Amino acid sequence: MKILILDGYTLFQEDIAWTSLNSFGDIVFHERTSRENLSSLDKDVDVLITNKALVGNPELEYFKQLKLVVVSATGYNCVDIKACTAAGVTVCNVPAYGTFSVAQHALSMLLHYSNQVAVHDQSVRNGDWSSHKDWTYTLTPIREWHGKTLGIIGMGSIGSCFANMAESLGMQIIYHHTRDLHLPNRRFVDLDTLAKSADVISLHCPLNEGTDKLINDRFLSHMKSDSVLINTSRGGLIDTIALRKALMEKTIAAALLDVLEKEPPPADHPLIGLPNAIITPHIAWISLEARKRIFTTILEILEKYKLGALMNQVN
């Protein structure tokens, strides 16, 4: 079996060795590939492993003996599922690997916003505390989340995990989902009610036709002026121009974003540089523990495939 890793850079860093895959056959590893350079790749492969590299008709026409595509992530929108199915190519993914890591990142962004630890630490390092007249001072407002309302859009595994963390802070949970899950102490509401009621809104839903630009002018206009929006899911859930307008006009207080609609973003992206937009480079998923779970699942998928079985098939 010949396996081609299309874009292994983000998953296989110095702490995880892709060479553990050698027991399955010949491994061809690329840190990055692009569709424009498709003809430079070894075409005689049985398995493709991709994270974000595209797999569609051009790849299916090029890799004639391809039988399996493994997406080293939960979301598989980089793969043309219909085309793979028509070509008889199985697609498998890695679900639920980053539940705790993504929820933890959402929490870390929220606490960063409310407590500004880094800002005050740098001030102390600069000698400001040592030269201050008083025993305490603040450079930013400090907020407490106890008693505040968290609105979660998408109460799946990550949304539920983040809700657990927020409840430990004393927050009240409301949520919008595809249906009422009848959760104890968590109230199912429509989107308008969630926008109007929540002090913090966190997105944990997939990007599809129904959720594309879900956070738009109308939604943002209903939010509280001191409310905070968190997105660790997909950038396309938010209308970027509408969010820029809301932040500049202070319709909402802040946006805490780990994802944007285009990644990497252009240097002149409308949200980058706004004082009330805190942006991290899509790192919520990337903890060592989460990546170990991904790799373990990939090994399990390949082991089952070698034995004639399938695991986590999505088509």
Protein backbone atom coordinates (compact mmCIF):
# COMPACT_ATOMS: atom_id res chain seq x y z
CA MET A 1 0.00 0.00 0.00
CA LYS A 2 1.33 3.43 -0.95
CA ILE A 3 0.20 6.36 1.16
CA LEU A 4 0.64 10.01 0.18
CA ILE A 5 0.43 12.66 2.91
CA LEU A 6 -0.55 15.87 1.15
CA ASP A 7 -0.14 18.46 3.90
CA GLY A 8 1.43 16.98 7.01
CA TYR A 9 3.05 20.13 8.41
CA THR A 10 0.39 21.10 10.92
CA LEU A 11 -0.26 17.59 12.26
CA PHE A 12 3.24 16.12 12.21
CA GLN A 13 5.44 18.59 14.02
CA GLU A 14 8.59 17.74 15.97
CA ASP A 15 6.53 16.06 18.69
CA ILE A 16 4.79 13.46 16.46
CA ALA A 17 6.68 11.38 13.89
CA TRP A 18 4.89 10.42 10.68
CA THR A 19 7.42 7.62 10.20
CA SER A 20 5.26 5.48 12.48
CA LEU A 21 3.12 4.94 9.36
CA ASN A 22 5.89 2.99 7.63
CA SER A 23 4.45 -0.32 8.82
CA PHE A 24 1.53 0.17 6.40
CA GLY A 25 3.70 0.38 3.28
CA ASP A 26 5.43 3.10 1.29
CA ILE A 27 4.86 6.59 2.71
CA VAL A 28 5.35 9.75 0.68
CA PHE A 29 5.34 12.78 2.96
CA HIS A 30 4.80 16.38 1.93
CA GLU A 31 4.57 19.25 4.38
CA ARG A 32 2.44 21.16 1.88
CA THR A 33 1.07 20.64 -1.61
CA SER A 34 -1.07 22.66 -3.97
CA ARG A 35 -3.43 21.70 -6.74
CA GLU A 36 -1.31 23.76 -9.15
CA ASN A 37 1.60 21.36 -8.57
CA LEU A 38 -0.47 18.18 -8.76
CA SER A 39 1.48 16.78 -11.71
CA SER A 40 4.68 16.75 -9.64
CA LEU A 41 3.27 14.21 -7.18
CA ASP A 42 3.60 10.44 -7.33
CA LYS A 43 0.35 9.35 -8.99
CA ASP A 44 0.49 5.66 -8.08
CA VAL A 45 -0.93 5.89 -4.57
CA ASP A 46 -3.69 3.93 -2.85
CA VAL A 47 -4.36 6.29 0.07
CA LEU A 48 -4.33 10.07 0.45
CA ILE A 49 -4.09 11.71 3.86
CA THR A 50 -5.18 15.34 3.86
CA ASN A 51 -5.91 17.99 6.42
CA LYS A 52 -6.87 21.00 4.30
CA ALA A 53 -5.40 20.11 0.89
CA LEU A 54 -8.16 19.79 -1.70
CA VAL A 55 -9.28 16.41 -3.00
CA GLY A 56 -11.75 16.64 -5.88
CA ASN A 57 -12.11 15.80 -9.55
CA PRO A 58 -8.55 16.89 -10.53
CA GLU A 59 -7.05 14.64 -7.85
CA LEU A 60 -9.39 11.73 -8.65
CA GLU A 61 -8.46 11.95 -12.32
CA TYR A 62 -4.74 12.08 -11.47
CA PHE A 63 -4.59 9.37 -8.79
CA LYS A 64 -6.14 6.59 -10.88
CA GLN A 65 -5.66 3.78 -8.33
CA LEU A 66 -6.81 5.80 -5.31
CA LYS A 67 -9.10 3.83 -2.97
CA LEU A 68 -9.13 5.76 0.33
CA VAL A 69 -8.97 9.38 1.48
CA VAL A 70 -8.32 10.00 5.17
CA VAL A 71 -9.11 13.50 6.40
CA SER A 72 -7.03 14.24 9.51
CA ALA A 73 -9.80 16.41 10.93
CA THR A 74 -13.49 16.30 11.77
CA GLY A 75 -14.59 18.66 9.01
CA TYR A 76 -14.15 17.26 5.50
CA ASN A 77 -15.28 20.15 3.32
CA CYS A 78 -11.88 20.07 1.58
CA VAL A 79 -12.97 16.79 -0.06
CA ASP A 80 -15.56 16.51 -2.83
CA ILE A 81 -17.60 13.74 -1.23
CA LYS A 82 -19.95 13.28 -4.20
CA ALA A 83 -17.05 12.96 -6.63
CA CYS A 84 -15.25 10.47 -4.40
CA THR A 85 -18.40 8.39 -4.01
CA ALA A 86 -18.96 8.35 -7.77
CA ALA A 87 -15.34 7.26 -8.27
CA GLY A 88 -15.63 4.48 -5.68
CA VAL A 89 -13.21 6.18 -3.29
CA THR A 90 -13.92 5.86 0.42
CA VAL A 91 -13.55 8.95 2.61
CA CYS A 92 -12.95 8.68 6.36
CA ASN A 93 -12.49 11.43 8.94
CA VAL A 94 -11.36 11.87 12.55
CA PRO A 95 -14.27 12.99 14.73
CA ALA A 96 -14.22 14.30 18.29
CA TYR A 97 -10.45 14.59 18.63
CA GLY A 98 -10.39 18.23 19.74
CA THR A 99 -13.41 18.58 22.01
CA PHE A 100 -11.49 19.60 25.11
CA SER A 101 -8.80 21.58 23.32
CA VAL A 102 -11.24 23.72 21.33
CA ALA A 103 -13.47 24.35 24.34
CA GLN A 104 -10.40 25.24 26.40
CA HIS A 105 -9.29 27.72 23.75
CA ALA A 106 -12.71 29.36 23.73
CA LEU A 107 -12.45 29.69 27.50
CA SER A 108 -8.90 31.04 27.31
CA MET A 109 -9.97 33.74 24.85
CA LEU A 110 -12.86 34.72 27.09
CA LEU A 111 -10.63 34.95 30.17
CA HIS A 112 -7.96 36.80 28.22
CA TYR A 113 -10.57 39.37 27.27
CA SER A 114 -11.97 39.77 30.78
CA ASN A 115 -8.72 39.71 32.79
CA GLN A 116 -6.01 40.86 30.36
CA VAL A 117 -3.31 38.89 32.17
CA ALA A 118 -0.70 39.45 29.45
CA VAL A 119 -1.19 43.22 29.44
CA HIS A 120 -0.72 43.48 33.20
CA ASP A 121 2.17 41.02 33.24
CA GLN A 122 3.99 43.12 30.65
CA SER A 123 3.32 46.23 32.70
CA VAL A 124 4.95 44.62 35.75
CA ARG A 125 7.90 43.50 33.61
CA ASN A 126 8.26 47.10 32.44
CA GLY A 127 8.61 48.25 36.06
CA ASP A 128 5.23 49.98 36.28
CA TRP A 129 4.19 48.27 39.52
CA SER A 130 7.49 48.97 41.21
CA SER A 131 7.17 52.68 40.47
CA HIS A 132 3.43 52.97 41.16
CA LYS A 133 2.04 55.04 44.04
CA ASP A 134 -0.57 52.41 44.94
CA TRP A 135 -0.47 48.72 45.78
CA THR A 136 -2.79 47.90 42.89
CA TYR A 137 -3.79 49.35 39.54
CA THR A 138 -5.51 48.26 36.34
CA LEU A 139 -4.80 49.10 32.74
CA THR A 140 -8.10 47.71 31.43
CA PRO A 141 -11.54 47.03 32.88
CA ILE A 142 -11.77 43.63 34.61
CA ARG A 143 -15.00 41.64 34.22
CA GLU A 144 -16.43 38.75 36.22
CA TRP A 145 -18.49 36.11 34.40
CA HIS A 146 -20.35 34.71 37.40
CA GLY A 147 -24.09 35.21 36.90
CA LYS A 148 -23.69 36.22 33.25
CA THR A 149 -25.42 34.38 30.39
CA LEU A 150 -23.54 32.33 27.81
CA GLY A 151 -25.37 31.64 24.56
CA ILE A 152 -24.07 28.67 22.59
CA ILE A 153 -24.97 28.11 18.97
CA GLY A 154 -24.44 24.40 18.31
CA MET A 155 -24.73 22.25 21.42
CA GLY A 156 -22.66 19.35 20.14
CA SER A 157 -19.70 17.84 21.95
CA ILE A 158 -17.55 21.01 21.86
CA GLY A 159 -20.44 23.34 22.67
CA SER A 160 -21.46 21.13 25.58
CA CYS A 161 -17.86 20.94 26.85
CA PHE A 162 -17.52 24.72 26.75
CA ALA A 163 -20.86 25.04 28.52
CA ASN A 164 -19.52 22.80 31.31
CA MET A 165 -16.49 25.06 31.68
CA ALA A 166 -18.64 28.19 31.72
CA GLU A 167 -20.97 26.70 34.32
CA SER A 168 -17.96 26.20 36.56
CA LEU A 169 -17.56 29.99 36.41
CA GLY A 170 -21.17 30.41 37.50
CA MET A 171 -22.54 31.33 34.08
CA GLN A 172 -26.09 30.56 32.98
CA ILE A 173 -26.43 28.63 29.71
CA ILE A 174 -28.86 29.18 26.88
CA TYR A 175 -28.41 27.52 23.51
CA HIS A 176 -29.65 27.23 19.96
CA HIS A 177 -29.40 23.90 18.17
CA THR A 178 -31.13 22.00 15.39
CA ARG A 179 -33.62 20.88 18.05
CA ASP A 180 -34.39 21.15 21.74
CA LEU A 181 -32.14 18.65 23.53
CA HIS A 182 -34.03 19.02 26.83
CA LEU A 183 -30.83 19.57 28.80
CA PRO A 184 -31.02 20.13 32.57
CA ASN A 185 -30.37 23.75 33.55
CA ARG A 186 -29.76 24.73 29.92
CA ARG A 187 -32.51 26.54 28.05
CA PHE A 188 -33.19 26.04 24.35
CA VAL A 189 -34.05 29.35 22.61
CA ASP A 190 -34.43 30.75 19.11
CA LEU A 191 -31.61 32.77 17.57
CA ASP A 192 -33.22 36.16 18.19
CA THR A 193 -33.71 35.40 21.88
CA LEU A 194 -30.16 34.16 22.17
CA ALA A 195 -28.76 37.29 20.51
CA LYS A 196 -30.76 39.58 22.77
CA SER A 197 -30.18 37.70 26.03
CA ALA A 198 -26.58 36.50 26.04
CA ASP A 199 -23.61 38.36 27.49
CA VAL A 200 -21.29 35.99 25.63
CA ILE A 201 -22.13 34.14 22.41
CA SER A 202 -19.95 31.23 21.27
CA LEU A 203 -20.24 29.47 17.90
CA HIS A 204 -19.86 25.69 17.79
CA CYS A 205 -21.78 24.68 14.68
CA PRO A 206 -20.67 23.38 11.26
CA LEU A 207 -20.49 25.60 8.20
CA ASN A 208 -23.12 24.67 5.64
CA GLU A 209 -25.78 26.32 3.49
CA GLY A 210 -27.97 26.91 6.50
CA THR A 211 -25.27 28.48 8.68
CA ASP A 212 -23.27 30.46 6.10
CA LYS A 213 -23.03 34.05 7.44
CA LEU A 214 -25.37 33.12 10.27
CA ILE A 215 -23.92 36.04 12.24
CA ASN A 216 -24.99 38.94 10.05
CA ASP A 217 -26.19 42.54 10.38
CA ARG A 218 -29.55 41.47 11.77
CA PHE A 219 -28.12 39.12 14.39
CA LEU A 220 -25.45 41.58 15.49
CA SER A 221 -27.98 44.40 15.81
CA HIS A 222 -29.86 42.33 18.41
CA MET A 223 -26.79 41.69 20.58
CA LYS A 224 -26.08 43.66 23.75
CA SER A 225 -23.63 46.53 23.40
CA ASP A 226 -21.38 44.99 26.08
CA SER A 227 -21.63 41.44 24.73
CA VAL A 228 -18.79 39.34 23.37
CA LEU A 229 -18.78 37.04 20.32
CA ILE A 230 -16.49 33.97 20.21
CA ASN A 231 -15.82 31.85 17.13
CA THR A 232 -13.63 28.76 17.29
CA SER A 233 -15.64 26.91 14.64
CA ARG A 234 -15.57 28.18 11.04
CA GLY A 235 -14.91 31.70 9.77
CA GLY A 236 -17.72 31.54 7.22
CA LEU A 237 -20.30 31.52 9.99
CA ILE A 238 -19.75 35.28 10.30
CA ASP A 239 -20.36 38.07 7.80
CA THR A 240 -16.98 39.78 8.14
CA ILE A 241 -18.07 43.19 6.90
CA ALA A 242 -21.09 43.19 9.20
CA LEU A 243 -18.89 42.26 12.16
CA ARG A 244 -16.35 44.98 11.33
CA LYS A 245 -19.17 47.52 11.27
CA ALA A 246 -20.56 46.28 14.60
CA LEU A 247 -17.13 46.44 16.24
CA MET A 248 -16.28 49.87 14.90
CA GLU A 249 -19.66 51.28 15.90
CA LYS A 250 -19.48 49.40 19.23
CA THR A 251 -22.76 47.64 18.63
CA ILE A 252 -21.00 44.80 20.47
CA ALA A 253 -18.01 44.98 22.78
CA ALA A 254 -15.60 42.51 21.25
CA ALA A 255 -15.04 39.56 18.92
CA LEU A 256 -12.70 36.74 19.95
CA LEU A 257 -11.84 34.74 16.84
CA ASP A 258 -9.69 31.71 16.15
CA VAL A 259 -10.99 31.30 12.59
CA LEU A 260 -11.56 33.56 9.58
CA GLU A 261 -13.37 32.91 6.30
CA LYS A 262 -10.05 32.76 4.41
CA GLU A 263 -6.95 31.22 5.99
CA PRO A 264 -4.29 32.49 5.89
CA PRO A 265 -6.08 35.86 5.71
CA PRO A 266 -4.89 38.76 3.56
CA ALA A 267 -2.77 41.32 5.42
CA ASP A 268 -5.51 43.90 4.97
CA HIS A 269 -8.27 41.69 6.35
CA PRO A 270 -11.10 43.93 7.66
CA LEU A 271 -10.89 42.57 11.22
CA ILE A 272 -7.15 42.42 11.76
CA GLY A 273 -5.93 45.36 13.81
CA LEU A 274 -9.26 46.39 15.28
CA PRO A 275 -8.71 47.09 19.00
CA ASN A 276 -11.77 45.07 20.02
CA ALA A 277 -11.02 42.05 17.81
CA ILE A 278 -8.73 39.42 19.35
CA ILE A 279 -7.61 36.92 16.70
CA THR A 280 -5.52 33.76 16.98
CA PRO A 281 -4.28 31.75 13.94
CA HIS A 282 -6.66 28.73 14.04
CA ILE A 283 -4.86 27.08 16.95
CA ALA A 284 -7.78 25.86 19.07
CA TRP A 285 -7.40 22.33 17.65
CA ILE A 286 -3.63 22.05 17.69
CA SER A 287 -2.70 20.91 21.20
CA LEU A 288 -0.30 17.99 21.42
CA GLU A 289 -2.99 15.87 23.04
CA ALA A 290 -5.51 16.56 20.27
CA ARG A 291 -2.99 15.83 17.52
CA LYS A 292 -2.05 12.57 19.23
CA ARG A 293 -5.73 11.59 19.13
CA ILE A 294 -5.82 12.40 15.41
CA PHE A 295 -2.77 10.27 14.70
CA THR A 296 -4.04 7.37 16.80
CA THR A 297 -7.32 7.42 14.86
CA ILE A 298 -5.49 7.55 11.52
CA LEU A 299 -3.54 4.46 12.55
CA GLU A 300 -6.79 2.72 13.51
CA ILE A 301 -8.43 3.66 10.19
CA LEU A 302 -5.48 2.30 8.19
CA GLU A 303 -5.28 -0.87 10.29
CA LYS A 304 -8.96 -1.62 9.71
CA TYR A 305 -8.64 -0.77 6.02
CA LYS A 306 -5.73 -3.20 5.69
CA LEU A 307 -7.99 -5.88 7.17
CA GLY A 308 -10.83 -5.07 4.78
CA ALA A 309 -12.95 -3.03 7.18
CA LEU A 310 -13.84 0.67 7.38
CA MET A 311 -13.92 3.15 10.23
CA ASN A 312 -15.40 6.67 10.36
CA GLN A 313 -16.60 6.49 6.76
CA VAL A 314 -18.44 9.66 5.70
CA ASN A 315 -19.61 8.64 2.20
